Amino acid sequence: MKEEQSLREKIQDYKNFSNILVAAAAFFYFGLVLVGSDKSQAQLILVLVTSYLFIAIAFLFRMVAIKDMRKLQDIEK
């Protein structure tokens, strides 16, 4: 019972982390689109790389959440 609750909390945490990272990546991207012309080439690349990195990490968090959901389903059976 305690293990199931712990897994549910972890799944929710991973989903929340993923949502926050996607939101931050969107803010970086929109900031780049809106005021990107004032930035140097290095700054543009840094913002794009950071945005893509956040999206990649968010994807990894979602994959971990899916793995934990499958584990939770196996425990509940």
PDB file of N, CA and C in Angstrom:
ATOM      1  N   MET A   1       0.825  -1.192   0.000  1.00  0.00           N
ATOM      2  CA  MET A   1       0.000   0.000   0.000  1.00  0.00           C
ATOM      3  C   MET A   1       0.870   1.257   0.000  1.00  0.00           C
ATOM      4  N   LYS A   2       1.907   1.260   0.852  1.00  0.00           N
ATOM      5  CA  LYS A   2       2.782   2.425   0.924  1.00  0.00           C
ATOM      6  C   LYS A   2       3.599   2.580  -0.361  1.00  0.00           C
ATOM      7  N   GLU A   3       3.987   1.441  -0.944  1.00  0.00           N
ATOM      8  CA  GLU A   3       4.749   1.484  -2.192  1.00  0.00           C
ATOM      9  C   GLU A   3       3.905   2.068  -3.327  1.00  0.00           C
ATOM     10  N   GLU A   4       2.620   1.722  -3.358  1.00  0.00           N
ATOM     11  CA  GLU A   4       1.734   2.251  -4.387  1.00  0.00           C
ATOM     12  C   GLU A   4       1.597   3.768  -4.254  1.00  0.00           C
ATOM     13  N   GLN A   5       1.422   4.233  -3.028  1.00  0.00           N
ATOM     14  CA  GLN A   5       1.294   5.671  -2.800  1.00  0.00           C
ATOM     15  C   GLN A   5       2.579   6.397  -3.183  1.00  0.00           C
ATOM     16  N   SER A   6       3.714   5.801  -2.849  1.00  0.00           N
ATOM     17  CA  SER A   6       5.003   6.389  -3.207  1.00  0.00           C
ATOM     18  C   SER A   6       5.157   6.483  -4.722  1.00  0.00           C
ATOM     19  N   LEU A   7       4.762   5.438  -5.438  1.00  0.00           N
ATOM     20  CA  LEU A   7       4.843   5.455  -6.898  1.00  0.00           C
ATOM     21  C   LEU A   7       3.907   6.504  -7.492  1.00  0.00           C
ATOM     22  N   ARG A   8       2.706   6.625  -6.944  1.00  0.00           N
ATOM     23  CA  ARG A   8       1.770   7.652  -7.439  1.00  0.00           C
ATOM     24  C   ARG A   8       2.357   9.054  -7.261  1.00  0.00           C
ATOM     25  N   GLU A   9       2.983   9.286  -6.112  1.00  0.00           N
ATOM     26  CA  GLU A   9       3.597  10.593  -5.858  1.00  0.00           C
ATOM     27  C   GLU A   9       4.762  10.855  -6.809  1.00  0.00           C
ATOM     28  N   LYS A  10       5.572   9.835  -7.051  1.00  0.00           N
ATOM     29  CA  LYS A  10       6.689   9.981  -7.988  1.00  0.00           C
ATOM     30  C   LYS A  10       6.186  10.289  -9.396  1.00  0.00           C
ATOM     31  N   ILE A  11       5.141   9.578  -9.815  1.00  0.00           N
ATOM     32  CA  ILE A  11       4.579   9.798 -11.149  1.00  0.00           C
ATOM     33  C   ILE A  11       4.098  11.232 -11.277  1.00  0.00           C
ATOM     34  N   GLN A  12       3.391  11.715 -10.265  1.00  0.00           N
ATOM     35  CA  GLN A  12       2.899  13.086 -10.313  1.00  0.00           C
ATOM     36  C   GLN A  12       4.049  14.089 -10.323  1.00  0.00           C
ATOM     37  N   ASP A  13       5.084  13.824  -9.531  1.00  0.00           N
ATOM     38  CA  ASP A  13       6.247  14.711  -9.510  1.00  0.00           C
ATOM     39  C   ASP A  13       6.926  14.765 -10.876  1.00  0.00           C
ATOM     40  N   TYR A  14       7.124  13.595 -11.493  1.00  0.00           N
ATOM     41  CA  TYR A  14       7.768  13.571 -12.809  1.00  0.00           C
ATOM     42  C   TYR A  14       6.936  14.319 -13.851  1.00  0.00           C
ATOM     43  N   LYS A  15       5.617  14.169 -13.787  1.00  0.00           N
ATOM     44  CA  LYS A  15       4.760  14.896 -14.717  1.00  0.00           C
ATOM     45  C   LYS A  15       4.846  16.401 -14.478  1.00  0.00           C
ATOM     46  N   ASN A  16       4.869  16.801 -13.208  1.00  0.00           N
ATOM     47  CA  ASN A  16       4.986  18.227 -12.895  1.00  0.00           C
ATOM     48  C   ASN A  16       6.321  18.792 -13.368  1.00  0.00           C
ATOM     49  N   PHE A  17       7.410  18.053 -13.134  1.00  0.00           N
ATOM     50  CA  PHE A  17       8.724  18.495 -13.604  1.00  0.00           C
ATOM     51  C   PHE A  17       8.711  18.662 -15.117  1.00  0.00           C
ATOM     52  N   SER A  18       8.114  17.707 -15.801  1.00  0.00           N
ATOM     53  CA  SER A  18       8.049  17.752 -17.252  1.00  0.00           C
ATOM     54  C   SER A  18       7.270  18.977 -17.734  1.00  0.00           C
ATOM     55  N   ASN A  19       6.130  19.239 -17.121  1.00  0.00           N
ATOM     56  CA  ASN A  19       5.320  20.400 -17.512  1.00  0.00           C
ATOM     57  C   ASN A  19       6.079  21.705 -17.291  1.00  0.00           C
ATOM     58  N   ILE A  20       6.774  21.812 -16.177  1.00  0.00           N
ATOM     59  CA  ILE A  20       7.536  23.027 -15.875  1.00  0.00           C
ATOM     60  C   ILE A  20       8.657  23.228 -16.889  1.00  0.00           C
ATOM     61  N   LEU A  21       9.356  22.156 -17.240  1.00  0.00           N
ATOM     62  CA  LEU A  21      10.437  22.268 -18.208  1.00  0.00           C
ATOM     63  C   LEU A  21       9.927  22.658 -19.597  1.00  0.00           C
ATOM     64  N   VAL A  22       8.789  22.119 -19.990  1.00  0.00           N
ATOM     65  CA  VAL A  22       8.225  22.489 -21.287  1.00  0.00           C
ATOM     66  C   VAL A  22       7.798  23.956 -21.273  1.00  0.00           C
ATOM     67  N   ALA A  23       7.210  24.402 -20.172  1.00  0.00           N
ATOM     68  CA  ALA A  23       6.812  25.811 -20.065  1.00  0.00           C
ATOM     69  C   ALA A  23       8.035  26.727 -20.123  1.00  0.00           C
ATOM     70  N   ALA A  24       9.086  26.362 -19.417  1.00  0.00           N
ATOM     71  CA  ALA A  24      10.309  27.179 -19.442  1.00  0.00           C
ATOM     72  C   ALA A  24      10.909  27.208 -20.850  1.00  0.00           C
ATOM     73  N   ALA A  25      10.906  26.068 -21.528  1.00  0.00           N
ATOM     74  CA  ALA A  25      11.423  26.020 -22.898  1.00  0.00           C
ATOM     75  C   ALA A  25      10.586  26.907 -23.816  1.00  0.00           C
ATOM     76  N   ALA A  26       9.290  26.913 -23.608  1.00  0.00           N
ATOM     77  CA  ALA A  26       8.424  27.768 -24.425  1.00  0.00           C
ATOM     78  C   ALA A  26       8.721  29.243 -24.167  1.00  0.00           C
ATOM     79  N   PHE A  27       8.946  29.610 -22.916  1.00  0.00           N
ATOM     80  CA  PHE A  27       9.288  30.997 -22.608  1.00  0.00           C
ATOM     81  C   PHE A  27      10.611  31.393 -23.263  1.00  0.00           C
ATOM     82  N   PHE A  28      11.598  30.501 -23.213  1.00  0.00           N
ATOM     83  CA  PHE A  28      12.868  30.783 -23.885  1.00  0.00           C
ATOM     84  C   PHE A  28      12.651  30.995 -25.380  1.00  0.00           C
ATOM     85  N   TYR A  29      11.875  30.091 -25.977  1.00  0.00           N
ATOM     86  CA  TYR A  29      11.658  30.162 -27.422  1.00  0.00           C
ATOM     87  C   TYR A  29      10.903  31.432 -27.801  1.00  0.00           C
ATOM     88  N   PHE A  30       9.816  31.737 -27.079  1.00  0.00           N
ATOM     89  CA  PHE A  30       9.050  32.946 -27.402  1.00  0.00           C
ATOM     90  C   PHE A  30       9.857  34.209 -27.134  1.00  0.00           C
ATOM     91  N   GLY A  31      10.673  34.192 -26.100  1.00  0.00           N
ATOM     92  CA  GLY A  31      11.552  35.326 -25.859  1.00  0.00           C
ATOM     93  C   GLY A  31      12.544  35.505 -26.990  1.00  0.00           C
ATOM     94  N   LEU A  32      12.990  34.409 -27.527  1.00  0.00           N
ATOM     95  CA  LEU A  32      13.916  34.459 -28.663  1.00  0.00           C
ATOM     96  C   LEU A  32      13.228  35.023 -29.905  1.00  0.00           C
ATOM     97  N   VAL A  33      12.006  34.596 -30.136  1.00  0.00           N
ATOM     98  CA  VAL A  33      11.257  35.058 -31.302  1.00  0.00           C
ATOM     99  C   VAL A  33      10.940  36.551 -31.177  1.00  0.00           C
ATOM    100  N   LEU A  34      10.552  36.983 -29.973  1.00  0.00           N
ATOM    101  CA  LEU A  34      10.132  38.371 -29.790  1.00  0.00           C
ATOM    102  C   LEU A  34      11.289  39.367 -29.795  1.00  0.00           C
ATOM    103  N   VAL A  35      12.389  39.041 -29.124  1.00  0.00           N
ATOM    104  CA  VAL A  35      13.506  39.991 -29.013  1.00  0.00           C
ATOM    105  C   VAL A  35      14.820  39.386 -29.498  1.00  0.00           C
ATOM    106  N   GLY A  36      14.736  38.379 -30.339  1.00  0.00           N
ATOM    107  CA  GLY A  36      15.929  37.690 -30.797  1.00  0.00           C
ATOM    108  C   GLY A  36      16.826  38.511 -31.701  1.00  0.00           C
ATOM    109  N   SER A  37      16.278  39.499 -32.338  1.00  0.00           N
ATOM    110  CA  SER A  37      17.094  40.285 -33.271  1.00  0.00           C
ATOM    111  C   SER A  37      18.127  41.148 -32.557  1.00  0.00           C
ATOM    112  N   ASP A  38      17.917  41.408 -31.275  1.00  0.00           N
ATOM    113  CA  ASP A  38      18.858  42.234 -30.510  1.00  0.00           C
ATOM    114  C   ASP A  38      20.028  41.431 -29.938  1.00  0.00           C
ATOM    115  N   LYS A  39      19.990  40.119 -30.072  1.00  0.00           N
ATOM    116  CA  LYS A  39      20.988  39.258 -29.439  1.00  0.00           C
ATOM    117  C   LYS A  39      22.093  38.871 -30.420  1.00  0.00           C
ATOM    118  N   SER A  40      23.247  38.544 -29.847  1.00  0.00           N
ATOM    119  CA  SER A  40      24.355  38.079 -30.681  1.00  0.00           C
ATOM    120  C   SER A  40      24.113  36.625 -31.093  1.00  0.00           C
ATOM    121  N   GLN A  41      24.903  36.154 -32.013  1.00  0.00           N
ATOM    122  CA  GLN A  41      24.758  34.776 -32.501  1.00  0.00           C
ATOM    123  C   GLN A  41      24.979  33.767 -31.374  1.00  0.00           C
ATOM    124  N   ALA A  42      25.952  34.011 -30.527  1.00  0.00           N
ATOM    125  CA  ALA A  42      26.237  33.101 -29.413  1.00  0.00           C
ATOM    126  C   ALA A  42      25.069  33.050 -28.436  1.00  0.00           C
ATOM    127  N   GLN A  43      24.449  34.185 -28.163  1.00  0.00           N
ATOM    128  CA  GLN A  43      23.307  34.214 -27.258  1.00  0.00           C
ATOM    129  C   GLN A  43      22.112  33.472 -27.851  1.00  0.00           C
ATOM    130  N   LEU A  44      21.907  33.615 -29.144  1.00  0.00           N
ATOM    131  CA  LEU A  44      20.808  32.901 -29.803  1.00  0.00           C
ATOM    132  C   LEU A  44      21.008  31.390 -29.723  1.00  0.00           C
ATOM    133  N   ILE A  45      22.217  30.960 -29.990  1.00  0.00           N
ATOM    134  CA  ILE A  45      22.515  29.526 -29.930  1.00  0.00           C
ATOM    135  C   ILE A  45      22.348  29.004 -28.510  1.00  0.00           C
ATOM    136  N   LEU A  46      22.805  29.761 -27.530  1.00  0.00           N
ATOM    137  CA  LEU A  46      22.674  29.345 -26.137  1.00  0.00           C
ATOM    138  C   LEU A  46      21.212  29.195 -25.737  1.00  0.00           C
ATOM    139  N   VAL A  47      20.381  30.119 -26.126  1.00  0.00           N
ATOM    140  CA  VAL A  47      18.956  30.043 -25.787  1.00  0.00           C
ATOM    141  C   VAL A  47      18.293  28.866 -26.494  1.00  0.00           C
ATOM    142  N   LEU A  48      18.620  28.649 -27.755  1.00  0.00           N
ATOM    143  CA  LEU A  48      18.051  27.513 -28.478  1.00  0.00           C
ATOM    144  C   LEU A  48      18.497  26.179 -27.883  1.00  0.00           C
ATOM    145  N   VAL A  49      19.771  26.071 -27.578  1.00  0.00           N
ATOM    146  CA  VAL A  49      20.281  24.826 -26.986  1.00  0.00           C
ATOM    147  C   VAL A  49      19.616  24.574 -25.634  1.00  0.00           C
ATOM    148  N   THR A  50      19.479  25.617 -24.839  1.00  0.00           N
ATOM    149  CA  THR A  50      18.825  25.475 -23.539  1.00  0.00           C
ATOM    150  C   THR A  50      17.373  25.045 -23.710  1.00  0.00           C
ATOM    151  N   SER A  51      16.698  25.637 -24.651  1.00  0.00           N
ATOM    152  CA  SER A  51      15.299  25.279 -24.904  1.00  0.00           C
ATOM    153  C   SER A  51      15.180  23.812 -25.316  1.00  0.00           C
ATOM    154  N   TYR A  52      16.018  23.376 -26.244  1.00  0.00           N
ATOM    155  CA  TYR A  52      15.978  21.982 -26.684  1.00  0.00           C
ATOM    156  C   TYR A  52      16.388  21.021 -25.570  1.00  0.00           C
ATOM    157  N   LEU A  53      17.332  21.424 -24.751  1.00  0.00           N
ATOM    158  CA  LEU A  53      17.744  20.588 -23.627  1.00  0.00           C
ATOM    159  C   LEU A  53      16.608  20.415 -22.630  1.00  0.00           C
ATOM    160  N   PHE A  54      15.884  21.491 -22.340  1.00  0.00           N
ATOM    161  CA  PHE A  54      14.743  21.398 -21.439  1.00  0.00           C
ATOM    162  C   PHE A  54      13.679  20.462 -21.998  1.00  0.00           C
ATOM    163  N   ILE A  55      13.433  20.540 -23.292  1.00  0.00           N
ATOM    164  CA  ILE A  55      12.440  19.657 -23.904  1.00  0.00           C
ATOM    165  C   ILE A  55      12.898  18.198 -23.835  1.00  0.00           C
ATOM    166  N   ALA A  56      14.182  17.962 -24.060  1.00  0.00           N
ATOM    167  CA  ALA A  56      14.709  16.591 -23.987  1.00  0.00           C
ATOM    168  C   ALA A  56      14.604  16.034 -22.572  1.00  0.00           C
ATOM    169  N   ILE A  57      14.922  16.838 -21.579  1.00  0.00           N
ATOM    170  CA  ILE A  57      14.821  16.387 -20.191  1.00  0.00           C
ATOM    171  C   ILE A  57      13.362  16.152 -19.817  1.00  0.00           C
ATOM    172  N   ALA A  58      12.464  17.009 -20.307  1.00  0.00           N
ATOM    173  CA  ALA A  58      11.034  16.821 -20.054  1.00  0.00           C
ATOM    174  C   ALA A  58      10.564  15.488 -20.650  1.00  0.00           C
ATOM    175  N   PHE A  59      11.059  15.168 -21.836  1.00  0.00           N
ATOM    176  CA  PHE A  59      10.721  13.891 -22.463  1.00  0.00           C
ATOM    177  C   PHE A  59      11.213  12.724 -21.609  1.00  0.00           C
ATOM    178  N   LEU A  60      12.419  12.835 -21.081  1.00  0.00           N
ATOM    179  CA  LEU A  60      12.949  11.775 -20.227  1.00  0.00           C
ATOM    180  C   LEU A  60      12.116  11.613 -18.960  1.00  0.00           C
ATOM    181  N   PHE A  61      11.693  12.722 -18.364  1.00  0.00           N
ATOM    182  CA  PHE A  61      10.833  12.645 -17.183  1.00  0.00           C
ATOM    183  C   PHE A  61       9.515  11.955 -17.516  1.00  0.00           C
ATOM    184  N   ARG A  62       8.951  12.255 -18.686  1.00  0.00           N
ATOM    185  CA  ARG A  62       7.704  11.591 -19.093  1.00  0.00           C
ATOM    186  C   ARG A  62       7.931  10.093 -19.285  1.00  0.00           C
ATOM    187  N   MET A  63       9.058   9.718 -19.841  1.00  0.00           N
ATOM    188  CA  MET A  63       9.349   8.288 -20.033  1.00  0.00           C
ATOM    189  C   MET A  63       9.472   7.574 -18.692  1.00  0.00           C
ATOM    190  N   VAL A  64      10.108   8.216 -17.719  1.00  0.00           N
ATOM    191  CA  VAL A  64      10.214   7.628 -16.381  1.00  0.00           C
ATOM    192  C   VAL A  64       8.838   7.508 -15.751  1.00  0.00           C
ATOM    193  N   ALA A  65       7.991   8.507 -15.935  1.00  0.00           N
ATOM    194  CA  ALA A  65       6.631   8.457 -15.389  1.00  0.00           C
ATOM    195  C   ALA A  65       5.847   7.309 -16.014  1.00  0.00           C
ATOM    196  N   ILE A  66       6.001   7.100 -17.315  1.00  0.00           N
ATOM    197  CA  ILE A  66       5.312   5.994 -17.980  1.00  0.00           C
ATOM    198  C   ILE A  66       5.817   4.657 -17.451  1.00  0.00           C
ATOM    199  N   LYS A  67       7.125   4.549 -17.259  1.00  0.00           N
ATOM    200  CA  LYS A  67       7.691   3.314 -16.714  1.00  0.00           C
ATOM    201  C   LYS A  67       7.133   3.036 -15.318  1.00  0.00           C
ATOM    202  N   ASP A  68       7.044   4.083 -14.494  1.00  0.00           N
ATOM    203  CA  ASP A  68       6.509   3.919 -13.147  1.00  0.00           C
ATOM    204  C   ASP A  68       5.013   3.607 -13.169  1.00  0.00           C
ATOM    205  N   MET A  69       4.283   4.159 -14.142  1.00  0.00           N
ATOM    206  CA  MET A  69       2.855   3.834 -14.255  1.00  0.00           C
ATOM    207  C   MET A  69       2.665   2.362 -14.585  1.00  0.00           C
ATOM    208  N   ARG A  70       3.514   1.844 -15.453  1.00  0.00           N
ATOM    209  CA  ARG A  70       3.433   0.408 -15.779  1.00  0.00           C
ATOM    210  C   ARG A  70       3.760  -0.439 -14.554  1.00  0.00           C
ATOM    211  N   LYS A  71       4.758  -0.006 -13.791  1.00  0.00           N
ATOM    212  CA  LYS A  71       5.114  -0.725 -12.570  1.00  0.00           C
ATOM    213  C   LYS A  71       3.958  -0.697 -11.579  1.00  0.00           C
ATOM    214  N   LEU A  72       3.285   0.442 -11.468  1.00  0.00           N
ATOM    215  CA  LEU A  72       2.143   0.581 -10.567  1.00  0.00           C
ATOM    216  C   LEU A  72       1.002  -0.325 -11.005  1.00  0.00           C
ATOM    217  N   GLN A  73       0.764  -0.405 -12.293  1.00  0.00           N
ATOM    218  CA  GLN A  73      -0.284  -1.293 -12.806  1.00  0.00           C
ATOM    219  C   GLN A  73       0.034  -2.749 -12.497  1.00  0.00           C
ATOM    220  N   ASP A  74       1.295  -3.134 -12.594  1.00  0.00           N
ATOM    221  CA  ASP A  74       1.696  -4.506 -12.270  1.00  0.00           C
ATOM    222  C   ASP A  74       1.500  -4.797 -10.785  1.00  0.00           C
ATOM    223  N   ILE A  75       1.778  -3.818  -9.937  1.00  0.00           N
ATOM    224  CA  ILE A  75       1.616  -4.008  -8.488  1.00  0.00           C
ATOM    225  C   ILE A  75       0.141  -4.140  -8.138  1.00  0.00           C
ATOM    226  N   GLU A  76      -0.713  -3.352  -8.798  1.00  0.00           N
ATOM    227  CA  GLU A  76      -2.136  -3.371  -8.481  1.00  0.00           C
ATOM    228  C   GLU A  76      -2.830  -4.626  -8.965  1.00  0.00           C
ATOM    229  N   LYS A  77      -2.238  -5.353  -9.906  1.00  0.00           N
ATOM    230  CA  LYS A  77      -2.854  -6.594 -10.408  1.00  0.00           C
ATOM    231  C   LYS A  77      -2.781  -7.704  -9.429  1.00  0.00           C
TER     232      LYS A  77
END
